[in-house]
């Protein structure tokens, strides 16, 4: 697919504009792997250096993301608004007049697989911090929190005592004006999740996948799993004027 582009612009700028149009039109949706540099230089009849500059500029602008060993993808952009309030599970439990407690199951460094690399816009094999925490309300498990954290944002994450503060409480102190994405799904628990939450494997669960950005950089990805019989999710917000 070739675009009609203005000859008044430098060639790298023409390529950038053509790629922008493909993204904005939906031809190249978020997460789409774009053609290789070799295919693009053939399509636009330019040098590899010209294609490389165009892709580098678009990556710097946040429209594309490069994953080492995989290629270049259309970046998943954070939303500008969100209707689910970012709150601490400990605060929610306290407001209900109950006692919050938690158990740390895992707290260690891991390497990013393909899926995590895409979510963080980092190379495959990049270092991440990983935690698994079970939150309880008056000794009844109500949330399994599995979280991955960008070490460049929270280098001391593994040194924290998350029985005294939740991972979310710790991270929010480091984040200035975060942007947050929530994806909410009904899921069936795995045997391991059912064991950690002390529920039957047949019990439906609510999973909230939360990704947080600061300044265009992904800080953390968390998966919060709640037993369906022990949790309700609600939000109150004001619609903008017409």
Foldseek 3Di string as FASTA:
>chain_A
DADDFDPVDPLLVRVLVVVVVCDVVVVADFFRFDDALVVVCVRSVHDSVSPVVSLVVCVVVQQWFAAPPPHIGGHDDFDPDDQADDDDPQVVLVVVVWHKFKDKPDWAKDFADPVRCRQQSHYGGDIWIWTWMFMDTNPQTFKIKIKIFDCVQPVCLSVDDCRVPNSSVVSVVSADPKGKDKDKDKDQDDPVVCVSNVHDSPFIKIWIWMWIDHPSGTGMIMIMIGGPVRDDGDGDDDDDDD
